[in-house]
Amino acid sequence: MIRTHLFANTISNFAPITAYLPYDRKKATDALQFVLEHTDEEEMKAYRKNLKSLGL
């Protein structure tokens, strides 16, 4: 088993997440699934558009 510390908690991520895999796999996938089910694409686009650090 390979243990991985996932850092996806930067400003450019709409849904920042940190997890120890494989231990936090369910917690992480549930959190991401929640965002997919409760956030529309327009809200995510607006978030990305307003990130000055991405130069968009």
N, C-alpha and C. Protein backbone atom coordinates (compact mmCIF):
# COMPACT_ATOMS: atom_id res chain seq x y z
N MET A 1 0.84 -1.17 0.00
CA MET A 1 0.00 0.00 0.00
C MET A 1 0.89 1.24 0.00
N ILE A 2 0.58 2.16 -0.87
CA ILE A 2 1.30 3.42 -0.95
C ILE A 2 0.49 4.48 -0.21
N ARG A 3 1.10 5.12 0.77
CA ARG A 3 0.42 6.19 1.50
C ARG A 3 0.80 7.52 0.88
N THR A 4 -0.19 8.36 0.69
CA THR A 4 0.01 9.65 0.03
C THR A 4 -0.68 10.74 0.82
N HIS A 5 -0.01 11.87 0.97
CA HIS A 5 -0.65 13.04 1.58
C HIS A 5 -1.02 13.97 0.43
N LEU A 6 -2.30 14.09 0.21
CA LEU A 6 -2.83 14.91 -0.88
C LEU A 6 -3.05 16.33 -0.39
N PHE A 7 -2.38 17.27 -1.05
CA PHE A 7 -2.57 18.69 -0.77
C PHE A 7 -3.20 19.33 -1.99
N ALA A 8 -4.47 19.60 -1.92
CA ALA A 8 -5.17 20.31 -3.00
C ALA A 8 -5.92 21.47 -2.33
N ASN A 9 -5.17 22.24 -1.57
CA ASN A 9 -5.78 23.28 -0.77
C ASN A 9 -5.25 24.67 -1.11
N THR A 10 -4.96 24.88 -2.38
CA THR A 10 -4.47 26.19 -2.80
C THR A 10 -5.63 27.08 -3.24
N ILE A 11 -5.35 28.35 -3.40
CA ILE A 11 -6.38 29.32 -3.77
C ILE A 11 -7.04 28.98 -5.11
N SER A 12 -6.32 28.31 -5.99
CA SER A 12 -6.88 28.02 -7.31
C SER A 12 -7.89 26.89 -7.30
N ASN A 13 -8.00 26.16 -6.20
CA ASN A 13 -8.98 25.07 -6.11
C ASN A 13 -10.30 25.59 -5.55
N PHE A 14 -11.36 25.40 -6.28
CA PHE A 14 -12.68 25.82 -5.82
C PHE A 14 -13.05 25.14 -4.51
N ALA A 15 -12.69 23.87 -4.40
CA ALA A 15 -12.98 23.10 -3.19
C ALA A 15 -11.66 22.60 -2.61
N PRO A 16 -11.00 23.42 -1.79
CA PRO A 16 -9.71 22.99 -1.24
C PRO A 16 -9.87 21.76 -0.36
N ILE A 17 -8.92 20.85 -0.47
CA ILE A 17 -9.01 19.60 0.28
C ILE A 17 -7.60 19.10 0.61
N THR A 18 -7.48 18.51 1.78
CA THR A 18 -6.26 17.85 2.21
C THR A 18 -6.67 16.48 2.74
N ALA A 19 -5.93 15.46 2.35
CA ALA A 19 -6.30 14.12 2.79
C ALA A 19 -5.08 13.21 2.82
N TYR A 20 -5.13 12.24 3.70
CA TYR A 20 -4.15 11.17 3.72
C TYR A 20 -4.79 9.98 3.02
N LEU A 21 -4.21 9.60 1.91
CA LEU A 21 -4.75 8.48 1.13
C LEU A 21 -3.94 7.23 1.43
N PRO A 22 -4.55 6.10 1.52
CA PRO A 22 -5.93 5.77 1.22
C PRO A 22 -6.88 5.98 2.40
N TYR A 23 -6.37 6.38 3.56
CA TYR A 23 -7.21 6.45 4.77
C TYR A 23 -8.39 7.40 4.63
N ASP A 24 -8.17 8.57 4.05
CA ASP A 24 -9.23 9.59 3.94
C ASP A 24 -9.94 9.57 2.59
N ARG A 25 -9.80 8.49 1.85
CA ARG A 25 -10.38 8.44 0.50
C ARG A 25 -11.88 8.73 0.50
N LYS A 26 -12.61 8.09 1.36
CA LYS A 26 -14.07 8.28 1.41
C LYS A 26 -14.42 9.72 1.78
N LYS A 27 -13.76 10.25 2.79
CA LYS A 27 -14.00 11.64 3.21
C LYS A 27 -13.72 12.61 2.06
N ALA A 28 -12.62 12.40 1.36
CA ALA A 28 -12.25 13.29 0.27
C ALA A 28 -13.22 13.17 -0.91
N THR A 29 -13.56 11.96 -1.30
CA THR A 29 -14.47 11.81 -2.43
C THR A 29 -15.87 12.28 -2.08
N ASP A 30 -16.30 12.08 -0.84
CA ASP A 30 -17.61 12.60 -0.42
C ASP A 30 -17.64 14.12 -0.46
N ALA A 31 -16.57 14.76 -0.02
CA ALA A 31 -16.51 16.23 -0.05
C ALA A 31 -16.57 16.75 -1.48
N LEU A 32 -15.83 16.12 -2.37
CA LEU A 32 -15.83 16.56 -3.77
C LEU A 32 -17.18 16.28 -4.44
N GLN A 33 -17.79 15.15 -4.12
CA GLN A 33 -19.10 14.82 -4.67
C GLN A 33 -20.14 15.83 -4.20
N PHE A 34 -20.06 16.27 -2.96
CA PHE A 34 -20.97 17.28 -2.42
C PHE A 34 -20.87 18.57 -3.24
N VAL A 35 -19.65 18.99 -3.53
CA VAL A 35 -19.45 20.20 -4.33
C VAL A 35 -20.07 20.02 -5.71
N LEU A 36 -19.84 18.88 -6.33
CA LEU A 36 -20.40 18.64 -7.67
C LEU A 36 -21.93 18.67 -7.66
N GLU A 37 -22.52 18.18 -6.60
CA GLU A 37 -23.98 18.10 -6.54
C GLU A 37 -24.65 19.40 -6.11
N HIS A 38 -23.91 20.28 -5.43
CA HIS A 38 -24.52 21.47 -4.86
C HIS A 38 -23.98 22.79 -5.40
N THR A 39 -23.13 22.74 -6.40
CA THR A 39 -22.56 23.95 -6.97
C THR A 39 -22.74 23.90 -8.48
N ASP A 40 -23.26 24.97 -9.04
CA ASP A 40 -23.42 24.96 -10.49
C ASP A 40 -22.15 25.48 -11.18
N GLU A 41 -22.02 25.16 -12.42
CA GLU A 41 -20.83 25.50 -13.19
C GLU A 41 -20.61 27.01 -13.25
N GLU A 42 -21.67 27.79 -13.29
CA GLU A 42 -21.53 29.25 -13.34
C GLU A 42 -20.83 29.79 -12.10
N GLU A 43 -21.14 29.22 -10.95
CA GLU A 43 -20.48 29.65 -9.72
C GLU A 43 -19.00 29.32 -9.75
N MET A 44 -18.67 28.13 -10.26
CA MET A 44 -17.26 27.75 -10.37
C MET A 44 -16.53 28.60 -11.39
N LYS A 45 -17.19 28.93 -12.50
CA LYS A 45 -16.58 29.81 -13.51
C LYS A 45 -16.31 31.18 -12.93
N ALA A 46 -17.26 31.71 -12.17
CA ALA A 46 -17.08 33.03 -11.56
C ALA A 46 -15.90 33.00 -10.58
N TYR A 47 -15.76 31.94 -9.84
CA TYR A 47 -14.64 31.79 -8.91
C TYR A 47 -13.32 31.83 -9.67
N ARG A 48 -13.22 31.03 -10.74
CA ARG A 48 -11.99 30.99 -11.53
C ARG A 48 -11.70 32.33 -12.17
N LYS A 49 -12.74 32.99 -12.66
CA LYS A 49 -12.56 34.27 -13.34
C LYS A 49 -11.99 35.33 -12.41
N ASN A 50 -12.38 35.26 -11.14
CA ASN A 50 -11.95 36.27 -10.17
C ASN A 50 -10.59 35.98 -9.51
N LEU A 51 -9.93 34.94 -9.94
CA LEU A 51 -8.60 34.63 -9.39
C LEU A 51 -7.54 35.38 -10.18
N LYS A 52 -7.08 36.46 -9.63
CA LYS A 52 -6.07 37.28 -10.30
C LYS A 52 -4.75 36.52 -10.46
N SER A 53 -4.47 35.62 -9.51
CA SER A 53 -3.19 34.90 -9.54
C SER A 53 -3.08 33.96 -10.74
N LEU A 54 -4.21 33.57 -11.34
CA LEU A 54 -4.17 32.69 -12.51
C LEU A 54 -4.00 33.46 -13.81
N GLY A 55 -4.16 34.76 -13.74
CA GLY A 55 -4.00 35.57 -14.93
C GLY A 55 -5.11 35.38 -15.94
N LEU A 56 -6.29 35.03 -15.50
CA LEU A 56 -7.43 34.81 -16.41
C LEU A 56 -8.23 36.06 -16.58
